[in-house]
Amino acid sequence: MKDLEWERLGSEYVIQERPWFTLTASRYRLPDGQQIWPYYMVEYEDWVTILALTRTREAILVRQFRPGSGRVGVELPGGMMNGSGESPEDAARRELLEETGYGGGRFIETGSVSPNAASHTNIQHCFLALDVELQAEQKLDATEHVSVMLLPLDALIELAERGGLEGALHISALFFGLAHLGYIHEGRQ
C-alpha cells in the first residue's frame, strides 16, 4: 500500500566488513512527513538452510557453538551464499557438503523468508534435500567447529517441539520442508 511506504532519502555505511557484516544508517521520510535518522540496517548476502534427509528419512543436523546464545545448539545445515552469482541451490549443495560431507540427492527450494524484515536486507532460501548420502569429509572454514549428527525425522520434529532446535531460521526451513512432505496439511480444512 502506497500510503504505508517509507521514502529512503539517503544512507551511509557505518561498518563495512564484507561479506560478514555491513551496517548502514539511513534517513527515511514516513507517510506523515516525519523523518527518521538514523535507521540502522544490516546488509548480508542471502542465506540457505537445508532440511537434508537420507533415504531412510534421517535428518542431517549440525551441532556448533553460537556466541549469540552462548551455547552449543542443534541446527539444520546452511550458510551464506557467495556474492559471485551463486544460485541458491548451488549454495545449498555446497554448504551441505562442506558442513556435513553429505551430498547428492534431489534439492527442492521449499520457501524463502526474511530473517528480519525490519533491519536485515537479505533473504533465507529454504531447501529440502532428499536421498542425500555421505560423500566426503567435512570441509570447514577455519572458524567453524561443527559436529554432524543424524536423527530420524520424527525425532527431529519432537526436538523442535521441545525447543531443541532454537533458531528461527531453522524452524522456518523445517516448517517448509515438512509442508512439502505433507506433514503440515494433514487434517487441514
N, C-alpha and C. Protein backbone atom coordinates (compact mmCIF):
# COMPACT_ATOMS: atom_id res chain seq x y z
N MET A 1 0.84 -1.18 0.00
CA MET A 1 0.00 0.00 0.00
C MET A 1 0.89 1.24 0.00
N LYS A 2 0.65 2.06 -0.97
CA LYS A 2 1.48 3.25 -1.15
C LYS A 2 1.45 4.16 0.07
N ASP A 3 0.31 4.28 0.75
CA ASP A 3 0.20 5.19 1.89
C ASP A 3 0.95 4.69 3.13
N LEU A 4 1.52 3.50 3.07
CA LEU A 4 2.30 2.96 4.18
C LEU A 4 3.80 2.96 3.92
N GLU A 5 4.20 3.20 2.68
CA GLU A 5 5.62 3.10 2.32
C GLU A 5 6.43 4.27 2.86
N TRP A 6 7.66 3.94 3.25
CA TRP A 6 8.62 4.95 3.67
C TRP A 6 9.47 5.34 2.46
N GLU A 7 9.90 6.58 2.40
CA GLU A 7 10.78 7.04 1.33
C GLU A 7 12.21 7.12 1.87
N ARG A 8 13.10 6.40 1.21
CA ARG A 8 14.52 6.43 1.62
C ARG A 8 15.17 7.68 1.03
N LEU A 9 15.69 8.52 1.90
CA LEU A 9 16.28 9.79 1.47
C LEU A 9 17.79 9.71 1.31
N GLY A 10 18.40 8.70 1.86
CA GLY A 10 19.84 8.55 1.76
C GLY A 10 20.34 7.59 2.82
N SER A 11 21.59 7.15 2.65
CA SER A 11 22.18 6.26 3.64
C SER A 11 23.70 6.34 3.56
N GLU A 12 24.34 5.87 4.62
CA GLU A 12 25.80 5.83 4.65
C GLU A 12 26.22 4.58 5.40
N TYR A 13 27.41 4.09 5.04
CA TYR A 13 27.95 2.92 5.73
C TYR A 13 28.52 3.33 7.08
N VAL A 14 28.18 2.57 8.10
CA VAL A 14 28.73 2.77 9.44
C VAL A 14 29.86 1.77 9.66
N ILE A 15 29.61 0.51 9.31
CA ILE A 15 30.60 -0.57 9.37
C ILE A 15 30.49 -1.33 8.06
N GLN A 16 31.64 -1.62 7.45
CA GLN A 16 31.63 -2.35 6.19
C GLN A 16 32.68 -3.45 6.26
N GLU A 17 32.27 -4.64 6.69
CA GLU A 17 33.15 -5.80 6.81
C GLU A 17 32.61 -6.92 5.92
N ARG A 18 32.57 -6.68 4.63
CA ARG A 18 32.02 -7.67 3.69
C ARG A 18 32.89 -8.92 3.67
N PRO A 19 32.32 -10.10 3.53
CA PRO A 19 30.90 -10.37 3.35
C PRO A 19 30.16 -10.58 4.66
N TRP A 20 30.85 -10.50 5.79
CA TRP A 20 30.27 -10.92 7.06
C TRP A 20 29.29 -9.94 7.66
N PHE A 21 29.57 -8.63 7.57
CA PHE A 21 28.72 -7.70 8.29
C PHE A 21 28.85 -6.30 7.71
N THR A 22 27.75 -5.72 7.33
CA THR A 22 27.72 -4.33 6.88
C THR A 22 26.55 -3.65 7.57
N LEU A 23 26.83 -2.52 8.22
CA LEU A 23 25.80 -1.76 8.92
C LEU A 23 25.64 -0.41 8.23
N THR A 24 24.42 -0.07 7.86
CA THR A 24 24.15 1.23 7.25
C THR A 24 23.23 2.04 8.15
N ALA A 25 23.37 3.35 8.07
CA ALA A 25 22.46 4.28 8.72
C ALA A 25 21.72 5.01 7.61
N SER A 26 20.41 4.92 7.61
CA SER A 26 19.60 5.52 6.56
C SER A 26 18.66 6.58 7.13
N ARG A 27 18.31 7.52 6.26
CA ARG A 27 17.31 8.53 6.61
C ARG A 27 16.05 8.21 5.81
N TYR A 28 14.92 8.16 6.50
CA TYR A 28 13.64 7.87 5.87
C TYR A 28 12.62 8.97 6.16
N ARG A 29 11.73 9.17 5.18
CA ARG A 29 10.55 10.02 5.39
C ARG A 29 9.35 9.09 5.51
N LEU A 30 8.61 9.24 6.60
CA LEU A 30 7.42 8.43 6.84
C LEU A 30 6.23 9.00 6.05
N PRO A 31 5.16 8.22 5.91
CA PRO A 31 4.00 8.70 5.15
C PRO A 31 3.42 10.02 5.68
N ASP A 32 3.57 10.29 6.97
CA ASP A 32 3.04 11.54 7.53
C ASP A 32 4.03 12.71 7.42
N GLY A 33 5.18 12.48 6.75
CA GLY A 33 6.17 13.53 6.55
C GLY A 33 7.29 13.56 7.58
N GLN A 34 7.10 12.92 8.70
CA GLN A 34 8.12 12.85 9.74
C GLN A 34 9.35 12.11 9.21
N GLN A 35 10.54 12.51 9.66
CA GLN A 35 11.77 11.85 9.22
C GLN A 35 12.41 11.07 10.36
N ILE A 36 13.02 9.95 10.00
CA ILE A 36 13.76 9.12 10.95
C ILE A 36 15.22 9.14 10.54
N TRP A 37 16.09 9.44 11.48
CA TRP A 37 17.55 9.38 11.27
C TRP A 37 18.20 9.11 12.61
N PRO A 38 19.08 8.22 12.76
CA PRO A 38 19.42 7.16 11.80
C PRO A 38 18.51 5.95 11.98
N TYR A 39 18.25 5.26 10.89
CA TYR A 39 17.57 3.97 10.94
C TYR A 39 18.62 2.96 10.49
N TYR A 40 19.03 2.08 11.41
CA TYR A 40 20.12 1.15 11.13
C TYR A 40 19.61 -0.11 10.45
N MET A 41 20.36 -0.54 9.45
CA MET A 41 20.05 -1.79 8.76
C MET A 41 21.33 -2.60 8.58
N VAL A 42 21.18 -3.92 8.62
CA VAL A 42 22.29 -4.84 8.44
C VAL A 42 22.19 -5.46 7.06
N GLU A 43 23.28 -5.39 6.31
CA GLU A 43 23.32 -5.99 4.98
C GLU A 43 24.14 -7.28 5.04
N TYR A 44 23.53 -8.36 4.59
CA TYR A 44 24.20 -9.65 4.47
C TYR A 44 23.96 -10.18 3.07
N GLU A 45 24.79 -11.12 2.64
CA GLU A 45 24.46 -11.91 1.46
C GLU A 45 23.27 -12.78 1.85
N ASP A 46 22.55 -13.32 0.86
CA ASP A 46 21.45 -14.23 1.16
C ASP A 46 21.99 -15.50 1.81
N TRP A 47 21.12 -16.18 2.55
CA TRP A 47 21.48 -17.40 3.27
C TRP A 47 20.68 -18.58 2.72
N VAL A 48 21.20 -19.78 2.96
CA VAL A 48 20.48 -21.02 2.65
C VAL A 48 20.45 -21.89 3.90
N THR A 49 19.35 -22.61 4.07
CA THR A 49 19.20 -23.56 5.17
C THR A 49 18.55 -24.81 4.58
N ILE A 50 19.07 -25.98 4.97
CA ILE A 50 18.67 -27.22 4.31
C ILE A 50 18.14 -28.24 5.31
N LEU A 51 16.91 -28.73 5.07
CA LEU A 51 16.42 -29.92 5.75
C LEU A 51 16.84 -31.08 4.85
N ALA A 52 17.93 -31.75 5.22
CA ALA A 52 18.51 -32.82 4.40
C ALA A 52 18.15 -34.17 5.00
N LEU A 53 17.62 -35.05 4.17
CA LEU A 53 17.19 -36.37 4.63
C LEU A 53 17.87 -37.47 3.83
N THR A 54 18.27 -38.53 4.53
CA THR A 54 18.81 -39.71 3.87
C THR A 54 17.64 -40.52 3.29
N ARG A 55 17.98 -41.59 2.59
CA ARG A 55 16.93 -42.47 2.04
C ARG A 55 16.05 -43.06 3.14
N THR A 56 16.62 -43.22 4.34
CA THR A 56 15.86 -43.80 5.47
C THR A 56 15.20 -42.72 6.33
N ARG A 57 15.10 -41.50 5.80
CA ARG A 57 14.45 -40.35 6.46
C ARG A 57 15.13 -39.95 7.77
N GLU A 58 16.46 -40.05 7.77
CA GLU A 58 17.21 -39.47 8.88
C GLU A 58 17.63 -38.07 8.47
N ALA A 59 17.43 -37.12 9.38
CA ALA A 59 17.81 -35.74 9.12
C ALA A 59 19.28 -35.55 9.45
N ILE A 60 19.98 -34.81 8.57
CA ILE A 60 21.38 -34.47 8.80
C ILE A 60 21.40 -33.15 9.56
N LEU A 61 21.96 -33.16 10.75
CA LEU A 61 21.99 -31.97 11.61
C LEU A 61 23.42 -31.64 11.98
N VAL A 62 23.62 -30.41 12.41
CA VAL A 62 24.94 -29.99 12.89
C VAL A 62 24.80 -29.44 14.31
N ARG A 63 25.87 -29.61 15.07
CA ARG A 63 25.96 -29.03 16.41
C ARG A 63 27.15 -28.10 16.39
N GLN A 64 26.94 -26.87 16.91
CA GLN A 64 28.04 -25.92 16.98
C GLN A 64 27.73 -24.85 18.02
N PHE A 65 28.80 -24.21 18.50
CA PHE A 65 28.66 -23.13 19.46
C PHE A 65 28.20 -21.87 18.75
N ARG A 66 27.26 -21.17 19.35
CA ARG A 66 26.77 -19.91 18.82
C ARG A 66 26.98 -18.82 19.86
N PRO A 67 27.86 -17.85 19.59
CA PRO A 67 28.14 -16.79 20.56
C PRO A 67 26.91 -15.99 20.99
N GLY A 68 25.94 -15.81 20.08
CA GLY A 68 24.74 -15.04 20.43
C GLY A 68 23.95 -15.67 21.55
N SER A 69 23.81 -16.99 21.54
CA SER A 69 23.09 -17.69 22.60
C SER A 69 24.02 -18.13 23.72
N GLY A 70 25.32 -18.15 23.43
CA GLY A 70 26.29 -18.56 24.44
C GLY A 70 26.32 -20.05 24.70
N ARG A 71 25.84 -20.86 23.75
CA ARG A 71 25.83 -22.31 23.97
C ARG A 71 25.91 -23.08 22.65
N VAL A 72 26.16 -24.37 22.79
CA VAL A 72 26.15 -25.27 21.65
C VAL A 72 24.70 -25.61 21.34
N GLY A 73 24.34 -25.53 20.07
CA GLY A 73 22.97 -25.83 19.67
C GLY A 73 22.93 -26.79 18.50
N VAL A 74 21.75 -27.35 18.29
CA VAL A 74 21.49 -28.24 17.15
C VAL A 74 20.83 -27.39 16.07
N GLU A 75 21.32 -27.55 14.83
CA GLU A 75 20.82 -26.74 13.72
C GLU A 75 20.70 -27.59 12.46
N LEU A 76 19.95 -27.08 11.51
CA LEU A 76 20.00 -27.61 10.16
C LEU A 76 21.23 -27.03 9.49
N PRO A 77 21.84 -27.75 8.56
CA PRO A 77 23.00 -27.19 7.85
C PRO A 77 22.59 -25.98 7.03
N GLY A 78 23.55 -25.10 6.79
CA GLY A 78 23.28 -23.93 5.97
C GLY A 78 24.38 -22.91 6.09
N GLY A 79 24.19 -21.80 5.42
CA GLY A 79 25.19 -20.74 5.48
C GLY A 79 24.93 -19.66 4.46
N MET A 80 25.96 -18.88 4.23
CA MET A 80 25.87 -17.70 3.38
C MET A 80 26.17 -18.04 1.93
N MET A 81 25.40 -17.44 1.03
CA MET A 81 25.68 -17.59 -0.40
C MET A 81 26.90 -16.75 -0.75
N ASN A 82 27.64 -17.21 -1.75
CA ASN A 82 28.74 -16.40 -2.27
C ASN A 82 28.14 -15.24 -3.05
N GLY A 83 28.75 -14.09 -2.98
CA GLY A 83 28.25 -12.94 -3.70
C GLY A 83 28.59 -12.95 -5.18
N SER A 84 29.09 -14.06 -5.68
CA SER A 84 29.60 -14.12 -7.06
C SER A 84 28.58 -14.68 -8.04
N GLY A 85 27.30 -14.53 -7.76
CA GLY A 85 26.28 -15.03 -8.67
C GLY A 85 25.91 -16.48 -8.44
N GLU A 86 26.33 -17.04 -7.32
CA GLU A 86 25.99 -18.42 -6.98
C GLU A 86 24.47 -18.53 -6.81
N SER A 87 23.87 -19.57 -7.38
CA SER A 87 22.43 -19.76 -7.24
C SER A 87 22.13 -20.29 -5.84
N PRO A 88 20.89 -20.10 -5.35
CA PRO A 88 20.55 -20.65 -4.05
C PRO A 88 20.75 -22.17 -3.97
N GLU A 89 20.37 -22.90 -5.03
CA GLU A 89 20.55 -24.35 -4.99
C GLU A 89 22.03 -24.73 -4.95
N ASP A 90 22.85 -24.06 -5.73
CA ASP A 90 24.29 -24.35 -5.70
C ASP A 90 24.86 -24.06 -4.31
N ALA A 91 24.41 -22.97 -3.69
CA ALA A 91 24.87 -22.64 -2.34
C ALA A 91 24.42 -23.70 -1.34
N ALA A 92 23.19 -24.18 -1.48
CA ALA A 92 22.69 -25.21 -0.57
C ALA A 92 23.49 -26.50 -0.72
N ARG A 93 23.77 -26.89 -1.94
CA ARG A 93 24.57 -28.10 -2.17
C ARG A 93 25.99 -27.93 -1.60
N ARG A 94 26.58 -26.77 -1.82
CA ARG A 94 27.94 -26.50 -1.33
C ARG A 94 27.97 -26.50 0.20
N GLU A 95 27.04 -25.79 0.83
CA GLU A 95 27.03 -25.70 2.29
C GLU A 95 26.81 -27.07 2.93
N LEU A 96 25.88 -27.85 2.39
CA LEU A 96 25.62 -29.18 2.95
C LEU A 96 26.87 -30.05 2.86
N LEU A 97 27.52 -30.05 1.71
CA LEU A 97 28.72 -30.86 1.52
C LEU A 97 29.86 -30.39 2.42
N GLU A 98 30.09 -29.08 2.49
CA GLU A 98 31.18 -28.55 3.31
C GLU A 98 30.96 -28.82 4.80
N GLU A 99 29.76 -28.57 5.29
CA GLU A 99 29.49 -28.69 6.73
C GLU A 99 29.36 -30.13 7.19
N THR A 100 28.83 -31.00 6.33
CA THR A 100 28.48 -32.35 6.79
C THR A 100 29.15 -33.47 6.02
N GLY A 101 29.62 -33.22 4.81
CA GLY A 101 30.14 -34.28 3.96
C GLY A 101 29.05 -34.99 3.18
N TYR A 102 27.78 -34.61 3.40
CA TYR A 102 26.66 -35.24 2.69
C TYR A 102 26.35 -34.46 1.41
N GLY A 103 25.92 -35.20 0.38
CA GLY A 103 25.59 -34.55 -0.88
C GLY A 103 24.76 -35.46 -1.75
N GLY A 104 24.68 -35.07 -3.03
CA GLY A 104 23.86 -35.81 -3.97
C GLY A 104 22.39 -35.55 -3.68
N GLY A 105 21.56 -36.45 -4.14
CA GLY A 105 20.14 -36.33 -3.87
C GLY A 105 19.45 -35.25 -4.67
N ARG A 106 18.21 -35.04 -4.33
CA ARG A 106 17.36 -34.07 -5.03
C ARG A 106 17.09 -32.89 -4.11
N PHE A 107 17.38 -31.68 -4.58
CA PHE A 107 17.19 -30.45 -3.80
C PHE A 107 15.96 -29.71 -4.32
N ILE A 108 15.09 -29.34 -3.40
CA ILE A 108 13.85 -28.64 -3.74
C ILE A 108 13.81 -27.36 -2.90
N GLU A 109 13.71 -26.21 -3.56
CA GLU A 109 13.56 -24.96 -2.80
C GLU A 109 12.11 -24.90 -2.33
N THR A 110 11.92 -24.93 -1.02
CA THR A 110 10.58 -25.04 -0.44
C THR A 110 9.99 -23.72 0.00
N GLY A 111 10.79 -22.68 0.09
CA GLY A 111 10.29 -21.37 0.51
C GLY A 111 11.43 -20.42 0.78
N SER A 112 11.07 -19.19 1.05
CA SER A 112 12.07 -18.19 1.44
C SER A 112 11.43 -17.22 2.42
N VAL A 113 12.25 -16.70 3.31
CA VAL A 113 11.78 -15.76 4.33
C VAL A 113 12.82 -14.67 4.52
N SER A 114 12.38 -13.57 5.08
CA SER A 114 13.30 -12.52 5.50
C SER A 114 13.73 -12.84 6.93
N PRO A 115 15.02 -12.91 7.20
CA PRO A 115 15.47 -13.17 8.58
C PRO A 115 14.94 -12.14 9.58
N ASN A 116 14.84 -10.89 9.17
CA ASN A 116 14.26 -9.83 10.00
C ASN A 116 13.96 -8.66 9.08
N ALA A 117 12.74 -8.58 8.58
CA ALA A 117 12.38 -7.58 7.57
C ALA A 117 12.54 -6.15 8.06
N ALA A 118 12.57 -5.94 9.37
CA ALA A 118 12.72 -4.59 9.92
C ALA A 118 14.14 -4.07 9.77
N SER A 119 15.13 -4.98 9.76
CA SER A 119 16.50 -4.48 9.81
C SER A 119 17.52 -5.25 8.97
N HIS A 120 17.14 -6.34 8.35
CA HIS A 120 18.06 -7.11 7.52
C HIS A 120 17.63 -7.03 6.06
N THR A 121 18.61 -6.93 5.17
CA THR A 121 18.30 -6.78 3.74
C THR A 121 18.29 -8.10 2.99
N ASN A 122 18.66 -9.19 3.63
CA ASN A 122 18.84 -10.45 2.91
C ASN A 122 17.62 -11.36 3.01
N ILE A 123 17.70 -12.46 2.27
CA ILE A 123 16.66 -13.49 2.22
C ILE A 123 17.29 -14.82 2.61
N GLN A 124 16.53 -15.64 3.32
CA GLN A 124 16.93 -17.01 3.61
C GLN A 124 16.16 -17.92 2.66
N HIS A 125 16.89 -18.72 1.89
CA HIS A 125 16.29 -19.68 0.97
C HIS A 125 16.28 -21.04 1.67
N CYS A 126 15.10 -21.65 1.76
CA CYS A 126 14.94 -22.93 2.47
C CYS A 126 14.87 -24.07 1.45
N PHE A 127 15.59 -25.14 1.75
CA PHE A 127 15.64 -26.29 0.85
C PHE A 127 15.32 -27.57 1.59
N LEU A 128 14.70 -28.49 0.86
CA LEU A 128 14.54 -29.87 1.27
C LEU A 128 15.45 -30.67 0.35
N ALA A 129 16.36 -31.45 0.93
CA ALA A 129 17.26 -32.30 0.15
C ALA A 129 16.90 -33.75 0.47
N LEU A 130 16.51 -34.49 -0.54
CA LEU A 130 16.07 -35.87 -0.35
C LEU A 130 17.12 -36.85 -0.85
N ASP A 131 17.26 -37.96 -0.14
CA ASP A 131 18.14 -39.06 -0.53
C ASP A 131 19.61 -38.67 -0.58
N VAL A 132 20.05 -37.82 0.35
CA VAL A 132 21.47 -37.45 0.39
C VAL A 132 22.28 -38.60 0.96
N GLU A 133 23.55 -38.63 0.60
CA GLU A 133 24.46 -39.69 1.05
C GLU A 133 25.77 -39.07 1.49
N LEU A 134 26.47 -39.77 2.39
CA LEU A 134 27.79 -39.33 2.80
C LEU A 134 28.73 -39.48 1.60
N GLN A 135 29.37 -38.37 1.20
CA GLN A 135 30.21 -38.38 0.01
C GLN A 135 31.64 -37.96 0.28
N ALA A 136 31.87 -37.24 1.37
CA ALA A 136 33.21 -36.67 1.58
C ALA A 136 33.41 -36.34 3.05
N GLU A 137 34.62 -35.95 3.37
CA GLU A 137 34.91 -35.41 4.70
C GLU A 137 34.38 -33.98 4.77
N GLN A 138 34.13 -33.52 5.98
CA GLN A 138 33.76 -32.11 6.15
C GLN A 138 34.88 -31.22 5.63
N LYS A 139 34.52 -30.06 5.13
CA LYS A 139 35.49 -29.09 4.63
C LYS A 139 35.13 -27.75 5.26
N LEU A 140 35.49 -27.59 6.53
CA LEU A 140 35.05 -26.45 7.33
C LEU A 140 35.97 -25.25 7.16
N ASP A 141 35.39 -24.06 7.34
CA ASP A 141 36.19 -22.83 7.39
C ASP A 141 37.02 -22.86 8.66
N ALA A 142 38.06 -22.03 8.71
CA ALA A 142 38.97 -22.01 9.86
C ALA A 142 38.26 -21.74 11.17
N THR A 143 37.17 -20.97 11.14
CA THR A 143 36.46 -20.63 12.38
C THR A 143 35.29 -21.55 12.68
N GLU A 144 35.07 -22.57 11.85
CA GLU A 144 33.96 -23.49 12.08
C GLU A 144 34.43 -24.72 12.84
N HIS A 145 33.72 -25.05 13.88
CA HIS A 145 33.93 -26.28 14.65
C HIS A 145 32.55 -26.92 14.78
N VAL A 146 32.27 -27.87 13.90
CA VAL A 146 30.93 -28.40 13.72
C VAL A 146 30.96 -29.92 13.82
N SER A 147 30.05 -30.48 14.60
CA SER A 147 29.89 -31.94 14.59
C SER A 147 28.57 -32.27 13.90
N VAL A 148 28.55 -33.42 13.23
CA VAL A 148 27.39 -33.86 12.46
C VAL A 148 26.64 -34.91 13.26
N MET A 149 25.33 -34.85 13.23
CA MET A 149 24.52 -35.89 13.86
C MET A 149 23.34 -36.22 12.95
N LEU A 150 22.91 -37.47 13.00
CA LEU A 150 21.74 -37.92 12.26
C LEU A 150 20.63 -38.22 13.26
N LEU A 151 19.42 -37.85 12.89
CA LEU A 151 18.28 -38.04 13.77
C LEU A 151 17.08 -38.41 12.90
N PRO A 152 16.31 -39.44 13.27
CA PRO A 152 15.11 -39.74 12.50
C PRO A 152 14.21 -38.49 12.42
N LEU A 153 13.54 -38.32 11.29
CA LEU A 153 12.74 -37.12 11.07
C LEU A 153 11.72 -36.90 12.19
N ASP A 154 11.04 -37.95 12.63
CA ASP A 154 10.06 -37.79 13.72
C ASP A 154 10.73 -37.31 15.00
N ALA A 155 11.94 -37.77 15.27
CA ALA A 155 12.67 -37.32 16.46
C ALA A 155 13.08 -35.85 16.32
N LEU A 156 13.40 -35.42 15.09
CA LEU A 156 13.71 -34.01 14.86
C LEU A 156 12.49 -33.14 15.14
N ILE A 157 11.32 -33.59 14.70
CA ILE A 157 10.09 -32.84 14.96
C ILE A 157 9.87 -32.71 16.47
N GLU A 158 10.05 -33.81 17.19
CA GLU A 158 9.91 -33.77 18.66
C GLU A 158 10.94 -32.84 19.28
N LEU A 159 12.17 -32.88 18.80
CA LEU A 159 13.22 -31.98 19.30
C LEU A 159 12.81 -30.53 19.11
N ALA A 160 12.29 -30.20 17.93
CA ALA A 160 11.86 -28.83 17.64
C ALA A 160 10.70 -28.43 18.55
N GLU A 161 9.77 -29.33 18.78
CA GLU A 161 8.63 -29.03 19.65
C GLU A 161 9.06 -28.77 21.08
N ARG A 162 10.16 -29.38 21.51
CA ARG A 162 10.68 -29.17 22.87
C ARG A 162 11.61 -27.96 22.96
N GLY A 163 11.83 -27.26 21.85
CA GLY A 163 12.71 -26.10 21.87
C GLY A 163 14.16 -26.43 21.63
N GLY A 164 14.46 -27.65 21.22
CA GLY A 164 15.84 -28.08 21.00
C GLY A 164 16.42 -27.65 19.66
N LEU A 165 15.60 -27.16 18.78
CA LEU A 165 16.04 -26.57 17.51
C LEU A 165 15.63 -25.11 17.61
N GLU A 166 16.50 -24.30 18.20
CA GLU A 166 16.05 -22.99 18.67
C GLU A 166 16.11 -21.86 17.66
N GLY A 167 16.88 -21.97 16.61
CA GLY A 167 16.99 -20.87 15.67
C GLY A 167 15.75 -20.71 14.81
N ALA A 168 15.23 -19.50 14.73
CA ALA A 168 14.01 -19.23 13.95
C ALA A 168 14.20 -19.59 12.48
N LEU A 169 15.39 -19.37 11.95
CA LEU A 169 15.63 -19.69 10.55
C LEU A 169 15.58 -21.20 10.31
N HIS A 170 16.00 -21.97 11.29
CA HIS A 170 15.97 -23.42 11.17
C HIS A 170 14.53 -23.94 11.30
N ILE A 171 13.76 -23.32 12.18
CA ILE A 171 12.35 -23.68 12.31
C ILE A 171 11.61 -23.37 11.01
N SER A 172 11.93 -22.25 10.37
CA SER A 172 11.32 -21.89 9.08
C SER A 172 11.60 -22.96 8.03
N ALA A 173 12.86 -23.36 7.92
CA ALA A 173 13.23 -24.37 6.92
C ALA A 173 12.58 -25.71 7.24
N LEU A 174 12.50 -26.05 8.53
CA LEU A 174 11.83 -27.29 8.93
C LEU A 174 10.36 -27.23 8.55
N PHE A 175 9.71 -26.12 8.84
CA PHE A 175 8.29 -25.95 8.51
C PHE A 175 8.05 -26.13 7.01
N PHE A 176 8.82 -25.41 6.18
CA PHE A 176 8.64 -25.51 4.74
C PHE A 176 8.90 -26.93 4.24
N GLY A 177 9.93 -27.59 4.78
CA GLY A 177 10.23 -28.95 4.38
C GLY A 177 9.13 -29.92 4.76
N LEU A 178 8.63 -29.79 6.00
CA LEU A 178 7.54 -30.66 6.44
C LEU A 178 6.27 -30.42 5.63
N ALA A 179 6.00 -29.17 5.29
CA ALA A 179 4.83 -28.86 4.46
C ALA A 179 4.97 -29.54 3.10
N HIS A 180 6.16 -29.49 2.52
CA HIS A 180 6.39 -30.13 1.22
C HIS A 180 6.20 -31.64 1.31
N LEU A 181 6.58 -32.21 2.44
CA LEU A 181 6.44 -33.66 2.63
C LEU A 181 5.02 -34.07 3.02
N GLY A 182 4.13 -33.11 3.24
CA GLY A 182 2.74 -33.42 3.57
C GLY A 182 2.42 -33.48 5.05
N TYR A 183 3.38 -33.18 5.91
CA TYR A 183 3.14 -33.24 7.35
C TYR A 183 2.22 -32.12 7.84
N ILE A 184 2.32 -30.95 7.25
CA ILE A 184 1.61 -29.77 7.76
C ILE A 184 0.14 -29.76 7.34
N HIS A 185 -0.17 -30.24 6.16
CA HIS A 185 -1.52 -30.12 5.62
C HIS A 185 -2.47 -31.20 6.13
N GLU A 186 -1.94 -32.17 6.85
CA GLU A 186 -2.76 -33.25 7.37
C GLU A 186 -3.87 -32.69 8.26
N GLY A 187 -5.11 -33.02 7.98
CA GLY A 187 -6.22 -32.59 8.81
C GLY A 187 -6.63 -31.14 8.61
N ARG A 188 -6.02 -30.45 7.68
CA ARG A 188 -6.33 -29.04 7.44
C ARG A 188 -7.61 -28.94 6.62
N GLN A 189 -8.49 -28.03 6.99
CA GLN A 189 -9.78 -27.85 6.28
C GLN A 189 -9.60 -27.02 5.04
